[in-house]
């Protein structure tokens, strides 16, 4: 296995960090690596807010559901899908610009995710730990107001970065043959059943070992309580009208 693949397969979410700060120089290197990610039509439809003020970090930690490590990590970034910069730039050339299309929302969201994952891998290659924070979408308007985000920009997720203060286990993933399908889509329930057994064993054997659940059982909140029905209206108010 080459070192890059080994690094990718060793990813863990880190939620405990030392007091060592992440230097501005390193942060700029990581963001530069993020910018090297693929981007649709070279649009680069993203912006990153480096949240430095302790009071803003504390506020976001609460808005994201009480995730205290947002306030204690070495650096906290909010990754934003940004269609303001490219549409404004095109408009300045005299082009006719149509805003609010669903495709623009998709392009900006995908660009942001691709860029952020490059940042994550680059950070882990430098010995940092990371944790994505999707909880900022619990209260996206308040986060947007706090960070002064303009129309056509929305916060997709946050990312905690820092030097790990613990060594969490690597969580098993679905088997490749459930994900990699030949020539079309087909049922993968047998692979999922086997994976549920593997995840149950993982939860029982990892540090603490107190969780009695499977992967399928853990999906329940996504389709029950973590629906975030406010997101559509929020996105429309941000200028993403999904036309």
C-alpha atoms as a PDB file:
ATOM      1  CA  UNK A   1       0.000   0.000   0.000  1.00  0.00           C
ATOM      2  CA  UNK A   2       1.470   3.375  -0.934  1.00  0.00           C
ATOM      3  CA  UNK A   3       1.720   6.110   1.737  1.00  0.00           C
ATOM      4  CA  UNK A   4      -1.108   8.215   0.284  1.00  0.00           C
ATOM      5  CA  UNK A   5      -3.611   5.359   0.330  1.00  0.00           C
ATOM      6  CA  UNK A   6      -2.428   4.338   3.797  1.00  0.00           C
ATOM      7  CA  UNK A   7      -3.006   7.908   5.045  1.00  0.00           C
ATOM      8  CA  UNK A   8      -6.485   8.023   3.504  1.00  0.00           C
ATOM      9  CA  UNK A   9      -7.459   4.719   5.095  1.00  0.00           C
ATOM     10  CA  UNK A  10      -6.234   5.835   8.524  1.00  0.00           C
ATOM     11  CA  UNK A  11      -8.699   8.741   8.871  1.00  0.00           C
ATOM     12  CA  UNK A  12     -10.415   9.175  12.236  1.00  0.00           C
ATOM     13  CA  UNK A  13     -12.530  12.021  13.574  1.00  0.00           C
ATOM     14  CA  UNK A  14     -10.552  13.739  16.341  1.00  0.00           C
ATOM     15  CA  UNK A  15     -12.465  15.630  19.042  1.00  0.00           C
ATOM     16  CA  UNK A  16      -9.779  16.162  21.701  1.00  0.00           C
ATOM     17  CA  UNK A  17      -6.881  18.481  20.965  1.00  0.00           C
ATOM     18  CA  UNK A  18      -3.718  19.705  22.669  1.00  0.00           C
ATOM     19  CA  UNK A  19      -3.144  23.400  23.370  1.00  0.00           C
ATOM     20  CA  UNK A  20      -0.679  23.669  20.474  1.00  0.00           C
ATOM     21  CA  UNK A  21      -1.991  26.221  17.959  1.00  0.00           C
ATOM     22  CA  UNK A  22      -2.088  25.694  14.214  1.00  0.00           C
ATOM     23  CA  UNK A  23       0.230  28.282  12.685  1.00  0.00           C
ATOM     24  CA  UNK A  24      -0.990  30.714  10.045  1.00  0.00           C
ATOM     25  CA  UNK A  25       1.768  29.470   7.739  1.00  0.00           C
ATOM     26  CA  UNK A  26       0.558  25.872   7.984  1.00  0.00           C
ATOM     27  CA  UNK A  27      -3.067  26.935   7.631  1.00  0.00           C
ATOM     28  CA  UNK A  28      -2.269  28.735   4.386  1.00  0.00           C
ATOM     29  CA  UNK A  29      -0.458  25.642   3.091  1.00  0.00           C
ATOM     30  CA  UNK A  30      -3.506  23.496   3.885  1.00  0.00           C
ATOM     31  CA  UNK A  31      -5.892  25.893   2.174  1.00  0.00           C
ATOM     32  CA  UNK A  32      -3.573  26.024  -0.841  1.00  0.00           C
ATOM     33  CA  UNK A  33      -3.738  22.220  -0.999  1.00  0.00           C
ATOM     34  CA  UNK A  34      -7.520  22.505  -0.792  1.00  0.00           C
ATOM     35  CA  UNK A  35      -7.563  24.878  -3.743  1.00  0.00           C
ATOM     36  CA  UNK A  36      -5.802  22.241  -5.836  1.00  0.00           C
ATOM     37  CA  UNK A  37      -8.926  20.060  -5.707  1.00  0.00           C
ATOM     38  CA  UNK A  38     -11.073  19.558  -8.790  1.00  0.00           C
ATOM     39  CA  UNK A  39     -13.582  22.380  -9.324  1.00  0.00           C
ATOM     40  CA  UNK A  40     -16.490  22.527 -11.764  1.00  0.00           C
ATOM     41  CA  UNK A  41     -15.537  24.677 -14.787  1.00  0.00           C
ATOM     42  CA  UNK A  42     -12.792  26.257 -12.645  1.00  0.00           C
ATOM     43  CA  UNK A  43     -15.507  28.207 -10.790  1.00  0.00           C
ATOM     44  CA  UNK A  44     -13.892  27.697  -7.339  1.00  0.00           C
ATOM     45  CA  UNK A  45     -17.239  28.405  -5.678  1.00  0.00           C
ATOM     46  CA  UNK A  46     -16.112  28.376  -2.045  1.00  0.00           C
ATOM     47  CA  UNK A  47     -14.854  30.610   0.740  1.00  0.00           C
ATOM     48  CA  UNK A  48     -13.457  29.651   4.139  1.00  0.00           C
ATOM     49  CA  UNK A  49     -14.006  31.631   7.331  1.00  0.00           C
ATOM     50  CA  UNK A  50     -11.233  31.118   9.896  1.00  0.00           C
ATOM     51  CA  UNK A  51     -13.072  31.739  13.166  1.00  0.00           C
ATOM     52  CA  UNK A  52     -10.546  33.130  15.650  1.00  0.00           C
ATOM     53  CA  UNK A  53     -12.545  35.124  18.219  1.00  0.00           C
ATOM     54  CA  UNK A  54     -13.170  32.921  21.306  1.00  0.00           C
ATOM     55  CA  UNK A  55     -16.669  34.334  21.786  1.00  0.00           C
ATOM     56  CA  UNK A  56     -17.616  33.450  18.203  1.00  0.00           C
ATOM     57  CA  UNK A  57     -16.221  29.953  18.599  1.00  0.00           C
ATOM     58  CA  UNK A  58     -18.218  29.496  21.792  1.00  0.00           C
ATOM     59  CA  UNK A  59     -21.367  30.746  20.074  1.00  0.00           C
ATOM     60  CA  UNK A  60     -20.924  28.398  17.115  1.00  0.00           C
ATOM     61  CA  UNK A  61     -20.222  25.492  19.467  1.00  0.00           C
ATOM     62  CA  UNK A  62     -23.630  26.052  21.067  1.00  0.00           C
ATOM     63  CA  UNK A  63     -25.415  26.663  17.763  1.00  0.00           C
ATOM     64  CA  UNK A  64     -23.957  23.397  16.463  1.00  0.00           C
ATOM     65  CA  UNK A  65     -25.475  21.400  19.313  1.00  0.00           C
ATOM     66  CA  UNK A  66     -23.025  21.883  22.175  1.00  0.00           C
ATOM     67  CA  UNK A  67     -19.911  20.581  20.397  1.00  0.00           C
ATOM     68  CA  UNK A  68     -17.362  22.082  22.808  1.00  0.00           C
ATOM     69  CA  UNK A  69     -14.308  21.007  20.803  1.00  0.00           C
ATOM     70  CA  UNK A  70     -15.145  23.792  18.319  1.00  0.00           C
ATOM     71  CA  UNK A  71     -13.955  26.185  21.022  1.00  0.00           C
ATOM     72  CA  UNK A  72     -10.871  24.188  22.031  1.00  0.00           C
ATOM     73  CA  UNK A  73      -9.339  22.969  18.742  1.00  0.00           C
ATOM     74  CA  UNK A  74      -6.214  24.559  17.292  1.00  0.00           C
ATOM     75  CA  UNK A  75      -8.137  26.173  14.408  1.00  0.00           C
ATOM     76  CA  UNK A  76     -11.778  26.223  13.403  1.00  0.00           C
ATOM     77  CA  UNK A  77     -12.847  26.759   9.799  1.00  0.00           C
ATOM     78  CA  UNK A  78     -16.290  27.247   8.296  1.00  0.00           C
ATOM     79  CA  UNK A  79     -16.475  26.099   4.674  1.00  0.00           C
ATOM     80  CA  UNK A  80     -18.963  28.125   2.658  1.00  0.00           C
ATOM     81  CA  UNK A  81     -20.485  27.483  -0.742  1.00  0.00           C
ATOM     82  CA  UNK A  82     -19.901  30.814  -2.485  1.00  0.00           C
ATOM     83  CA  UNK A  83     -21.705  31.748  -5.684  1.00  0.00           C
ATOM     84  CA  UNK A  84     -21.359  35.473  -4.984  1.00  0.00           C
ATOM     85  CA  UNK A  85     -17.734  35.745  -6.145  1.00  0.00           C
ATOM     86  CA  UNK A  86     -18.124  33.966  -9.516  1.00  0.00           C
ATOM     87  CA  UNK A  87     -21.473  35.537 -10.422  1.00  0.00           C
ATOM     88  CA  UNK A  88     -20.218  39.020  -9.484  1.00  0.00           C
ATOM     89  CA  UNK A  89     -17.040  38.425 -11.518  1.00  0.00           C
ATOM     90  CA  UNK A  90     -19.002  37.283 -14.571  1.00  0.00           C
ATOM     91  CA  UNK A  91     -21.355  40.234 -14.239  1.00  0.00           C
ATOM     92  CA  UNK A  92     -18.445  42.686 -14.204  1.00  0.00           C
ATOM     93  CA  UNK A  93     -17.461  41.449 -17.677  1.00  0.00           C
ATOM     94  CA  UNK A  94     -20.857  42.524 -18.977  1.00  0.00           C
ATOM     95  CA  UNK A  95     -22.268  38.992 -19.113  1.00  0.00           C
ATOM     96  CA  UNK A  96     -25.971  38.371 -18.502  1.00  0.00           C
ATOM     97  CA  UNK A  97     -26.040  36.574 -15.168  1.00  0.00           C
ATOM     98  CA  UNK A  98     -28.943  34.430 -13.954  1.00  0.00           C
ATOM     99  CA  UNK A  99     -28.784  33.692 -10.231  1.00  0.00           C
ATOM    100  CA  UNK A 100     -30.579  31.236  -7.984  1.00  0.00           C
ATOM    101  CA  UNK A 101     -30.424  28.110 -10.161  1.00  0.00           C
ATOM    102  CA  UNK A 102     -30.405  24.648  -8.564  1.00  0.00           C
ATOM    103  CA  UNK A 103     -27.330  23.756 -10.619  1.00  0.00           C
ATOM    104  CA  UNK A 104     -25.457  26.681  -9.053  1.00  0.00           C
ATOM    105  CA  UNK A 105     -26.296  25.384  -5.582  1.00  0.00           C
ATOM    106  CA  UNK A 106     -25.058  21.917  -6.532  1.00  0.00           C
ATOM    107  CA  UNK A 107     -21.848  23.224  -8.114  1.00  0.00           C
ATOM    108  CA  UNK A 108     -21.014  25.373  -5.093  1.00  0.00           C
ATOM    109  CA  UNK A 109     -21.805  22.616  -2.582  1.00  0.00           C
ATOM    110  CA  UNK A 110     -19.792  19.977  -4.469  1.00  0.00           C
ATOM    111  CA  UNK A 111     -16.860  22.354  -5.013  1.00  0.00           C
ATOM    112  CA  UNK A 112     -16.823  23.137  -1.291  1.00  0.00           C
ATOM    113  CA  UNK A 113     -16.850  19.476  -0.265  1.00  0.00           C
ATOM    114  CA  UNK A 114     -14.060  18.555  -2.689  1.00  0.00           C
ATOM    115  CA  UNK A 115     -11.927  21.450  -1.502  1.00  0.00           C
ATOM    116  CA  UNK A 116     -12.526  20.668   2.186  1.00  0.00           C
ATOM    117  CA  UNK A 117     -11.551  17.029   1.781  1.00  0.00           C
ATOM    118  CA  UNK A 118      -8.234  18.094   0.254  1.00  0.00           C
ATOM    119  CA  UNK A 119      -7.689  20.321   3.297  1.00  0.00           C
ATOM    120  CA  UNK A 120      -8.523  17.394   5.585  1.00  0.00           C
ATOM    121  CA  UNK A 121      -6.061  15.021   3.902  1.00  0.00           C
ATOM    122  CA  UNK A 122      -3.341  17.675   3.815  1.00  0.00           C
ATOM    123  CA  UNK A 123      -3.911  18.363   7.535  1.00  0.00           C
ATOM    124  CA  UNK A 124      -3.656  14.684   8.445  1.00  0.00           C
ATOM    125  CA  UNK A 125      -0.458  14.393   6.416  1.00  0.00           C
ATOM    126  CA  UNK A 126       1.000  17.077   8.717  1.00  0.00           C
ATOM    127  CA  UNK A 127       0.032  15.186  11.873  1.00  0.00           C
ATOM    128  CA  UNK A 128      -3.131  17.143  12.600  1.00  0.00           C
ATOM    129  CA  UNK A 129      -6.487  15.644  13.466  1.00  0.00           C
ATOM    130  CA  UNK A 130      -9.746  16.916  11.989  1.00  0.00           C
ATOM    131  CA  UNK A 131     -13.467  16.681  12.627  1.00  0.00           C
ATOM    132  CA  UNK A 132     -16.175  17.883  10.273  1.00  0.00           C
ATOM    133  CA  UNK A 133     -19.005  19.833  11.927  1.00  0.00           C
ATOM    134  CA  UNK A 134     -22.274  19.430  10.034  1.00  0.00           C
ATOM    135  CA  UNK A 135     -24.082  20.726  13.130  1.00  0.00           C
ATOM    136  CA  UNK A 136     -23.664  24.323  11.975  1.00  0.00           C
ATOM    137  CA  UNK A 137     -26.625  23.586   9.694  1.00  0.00           C
ATOM    138  CA  UNK A 138     -28.740  23.244  12.839  1.00  0.00           C
ATOM    139  CA  UNK A 139     -28.852  27.040  12.960  1.00  0.00           C
ATOM    140  CA  UNK A 140     -27.492  28.221   9.602  1.00  0.00           C
ATOM    141  CA  UNK A 141     -29.045  31.688   9.723  1.00  0.00           C
ATOM    142  CA  UNK A 142     -27.501  32.497  13.107  1.00  0.00           C
ATOM    143  CA  UNK A 143     -24.118  31.213  11.920  1.00  0.00           C
ATOM    144  CA  UNK A 144     -24.443  33.284   8.739  1.00  0.00           C
ATOM    145  CA  UNK A 145     -25.313  36.402  10.734  1.00  0.00           C
ATOM    146  CA  UNK A 146     -22.407  35.828  13.120  1.00  0.00           C
ATOM    147  CA  UNK A 147     -19.947  35.508  10.241  1.00  0.00           C
ATOM    148  CA  UNK A 148     -21.460  38.258   8.091  1.00  0.00           C
ATOM    149  CA  UNK A 149     -22.150  35.980   5.123  1.00  0.00           C
ATOM    150  CA  UNK A 150     -23.742  37.800   2.166  1.00  0.00           C
ATOM    151  CA  UNK A 151     -26.458  36.573  -0.181  1.00  0.00           C
ATOM    152  CA  UNK A 152     -25.464  33.654  -2.424  1.00  0.00           C
ATOM    153  CA  UNK A 153     -23.110  32.312   0.261  1.00  0.00           C
ATOM    154  CA  UNK A 154     -24.079  29.640   2.795  1.00  0.00           C
ATOM    155  CA  UNK A 155     -22.193  27.669   5.468  1.00  0.00           C
ATOM    156  CA  UNK A 156     -21.960  24.007   4.412  1.00  0.00           C
ATOM    157  CA  UNK A 157     -20.017  22.633   7.387  1.00  0.00           C
ATOM    158  CA  UNK A 158     -17.267  23.478   9.818  1.00  0.00           C
ATOM    159  CA  UNK A 159     -13.948  21.752  10.439  1.00  0.00           C
ATOM    160  CA  UNK A 160     -11.995  21.458  13.665  1.00  0.00           C
ATOM    161  CA  UNK A 161      -8.240  21.137  13.184  1.00  0.00           C
ATOM    162  CA  UNK A 162      -5.546  20.602  15.770  1.00  0.00           C
ATOM    163  CA  UNK A 163      -2.931  18.334  17.243  1.00  0.00           C
ATOM    164  CA  UNK A 164      -4.652  15.202  18.614  1.00  0.00           C
ATOM    165  CA  UNK A 165      -4.839  14.645  22.351  1.00  0.00           C
ATOM    166  CA  UNK A 166      -6.271  11.132  21.911  1.00  0.00           C
ATOM    167  CA  UNK A 167      -5.896   8.235  19.496  1.00  0.00           C
ATOM    168  CA  UNK A 168      -9.353   7.056  18.385  1.00  0.00           C
ATOM    169  CA  UNK A 169      -9.793   3.804  16.503  1.00  0.00           C
ATOM    170  CA  UNK A 170     -10.358   3.764  12.758  1.00  0.00           C
ATOM    171  CA  UNK A 171     -14.054   3.113  12.137  1.00  0.00           C
ATOM    172  CA  UNK A 172     -14.836   0.321   9.628  1.00  0.00           C
ATOM    173  CA  UNK A 173     -16.393   1.299   6.304  1.00  0.00           C
ATOM    174  CA  UNK A 174     -18.891  -0.552   4.135  1.00  0.00           C
ATOM    175  CA  UNK A 175     -17.265  -3.345   2.094  1.00  0.00           C
ATOM    176  CA  UNK A 176     -16.016  -2.208  -1.293  1.00  0.00           C
ATOM    177  CA  UNK A 177     -18.294  -4.663  -3.127  1.00  0.00           C
ATOM    178  CA  UNK A 178     -21.328  -2.875  -1.634  1.00  0.00           C
ATOM    179  CA  UNK A 179     -20.119   0.414  -3.075  1.00  0.00           C
ATOM    180  CA  UNK A 180     -18.438  -0.624  -6.331  1.00  0.00           C
ATOM    181  CA  UNK A 181     -21.170  -2.042  -8.572  1.00  0.00           C
ATOM    182  CA  UNK A 182     -20.626  -3.482 -12.049  1.00  0.00           C
ATOM    183  CA  UNK A 183     -22.645  -2.075 -14.982  1.00  0.00           C
ATOM    184  CA  UNK A 184     -25.607  -0.948 -12.899  1.00  0.00           C
ATOM    185  CA  UNK A 185     -27.253  -0.766  -9.493  1.00  0.00           C
ATOM    186  CA  UNK A 186     -28.116  -3.946  -7.625  1.00  0.00           C
ATOM    187  CA  UNK A 187     -29.188  -4.972  -4.141  1.00  0.00           C
ATOM    188  CA  UNK A 188     -26.500  -4.909  -1.471  1.00  0.00           C
ATOM    189  CA  UNK A 189     -28.541  -5.939   1.586  1.00  0.00           C
ATOM    190  CA  UNK A 190     -26.338  -8.998   2.260  1.00  0.00           C
ATOM    191  CA  UNK A 191     -23.229  -6.835   2.390  1.00  0.00           C
ATOM    192  CA  UNK A 192     -25.029  -4.370   4.655  1.00  0.00           C
ATOM    193  CA  UNK A 193     -26.053  -7.175   7.025  1.00  0.00           C
ATOM    194  CA  UNK A 194     -22.435  -8.340   7.269  1.00  0.00           C
ATOM    195  CA  UNK A 195     -21.305  -4.760   7.806  1.00  0.00           C
ATOM    196  CA  UNK A 196     -23.844  -4.314  10.619  1.00  0.00           C
ATOM    197  CA  UNK A 197     -22.213  -7.267  12.382  1.00  0.00           C
ATOM    198  CA  UNK A 198     -18.763  -5.739  11.855  1.00  0.00           C
ATOM    199  CA  UNK A 199     -19.874  -2.364  13.216  1.00  0.00           C
ATOM    200  CA  UNK A 200     -21.510  -3.940  16.250  1.00  0.00           C
ATOM    201  CA  UNK A 201     -18.270  -5.762  16.998  1.00  0.00           C
ATOM    202  CA  UNK A 202     -16.322  -2.518  16.522  1.00  0.00           C
ATOM    203  CA  UNK A 203     -18.535  -0.616  18.969  1.00  0.00           C
ATOM    204  CA  UNK A 204     -18.158  -3.387  21.548  1.00  0.00           C
ATOM    205  CA  UNK A 205     -14.374  -3.630  21.215  1.00  0.00           C
ATOM    206  CA  UNK A 206     -13.299  -0.004  20.859  1.00  0.00           C
ATOM    207  CA  UNK A 207     -12.093   2.086  23.800  1.00  0.00           C
ATOM    208  CA  UNK A 208     -15.043   2.318  26.182  1.00  0.00           C
ATOM    209  CA  UNK A 209     -16.974  -0.439  24.425  1.00  0.00           C
ATOM    210  CA  UNK A 210     -20.365   0.694  25.735  1.00  0.00           C
ATOM    211  CA  UNK A 211     -22.282   1.247  22.481  1.00  0.00           C
ATOM    212  CA  UNK A 212     -24.681  -1.534  21.515  1.00  0.00           C
ATOM    213  CA  UNK A 213     -25.738  -0.648  17.963  1.00  0.00           C
ATOM    214  CA  UNK A 214     -25.226  -1.388  14.284  1.00  0.00           C
ATOM    215  CA  UNK A 215     -24.633   0.903  11.303  1.00  0.00           C
ATOM    216  CA  UNK A 216     -28.249   0.553  10.175  1.00  0.00           C
ATOM    217  CA  UNK A 217     -29.537   1.473  13.635  1.00  0.00           C
ATOM    218  CA  UNK A 218     -27.309   4.542  13.709  1.00  0.00           C
ATOM    219  CA  UNK A 219     -28.948   5.843  10.519  1.00  0.00           C
ATOM    220  CA  UNK A 220     -32.271   6.466  12.274  1.00  0.00           C
ATOM    221  CA  UNK A 221     -31.651  10.124  13.247  1.00  0.00           C
ATOM    222  CA  UNK A 222     -30.862  11.076   9.636  1.00  0.00           C
ATOM    223  CA  UNK A 223     -34.378  10.057   8.595  1.00  0.00           C
ATOM    224  CA  UNK A 224     -36.185  10.948  11.822  1.00  0.00           C
ATOM    225  CA  UNK A 225     -34.788  13.761  13.978  1.00  0.00           C
ATOM    226  CA  UNK A 226     -31.897  15.317  11.971  1.00  0.00           C
ATOM    227  CA  UNK A 227     -34.052  16.301   9.006  1.00  0.00           C
ATOM    228  CA  UNK A 228     -33.270  20.039   9.206  1.00  0.00           C
ATOM    229  CA  UNK A 229     -36.469  21.040   7.364  1.00  0.00           C
ATOM    230  CA  UNK A 230     -35.465  24.693   7.741  1.00  0.00           C
ATOM    231  CA  UNK A 231     -32.662  24.313   5.171  1.00  0.00           C
ATOM    232  CA  UNK A 232     -34.800  24.828   2.062  1.00  0.00           C
ATOM    233  CA  UNK A 233     -36.279  28.123   3.228  1.00  0.00           C
ATOM    234  CA  UNK A 234     -32.870  29.214   4.483  1.00  0.00           C
ATOM    235  CA  UNK A 235     -31.228  28.502   1.115  1.00  0.00           C
ATOM    236  CA  UNK A 236     -33.970  30.358  -0.760  1.00  0.00           C
ATOM    237  CA  UNK A 237     -33.412  33.392   1.498  1.00  0.00           C
ATOM    238  CA  UNK A 238     -29.684  33.146   0.752  1.00  0.00           C
ATOM    239  CA  UNK A 239     -30.467  33.572  -2.941  1.00  0.00           C
ATOM    240  CA  UNK A 240     -30.331  29.885  -3.895  1.00  0.00           C
ATOM    241  CA  UNK A 241     -33.896  29.795  -5.203  1.00  0.00           C
ATOM    242  CA  UNK A 242     -33.473  26.340  -6.781  1.00  0.00           C
ATOM    243  CA  UNK A 243     -35.130  27.318 -10.030  1.00  0.00           C
END
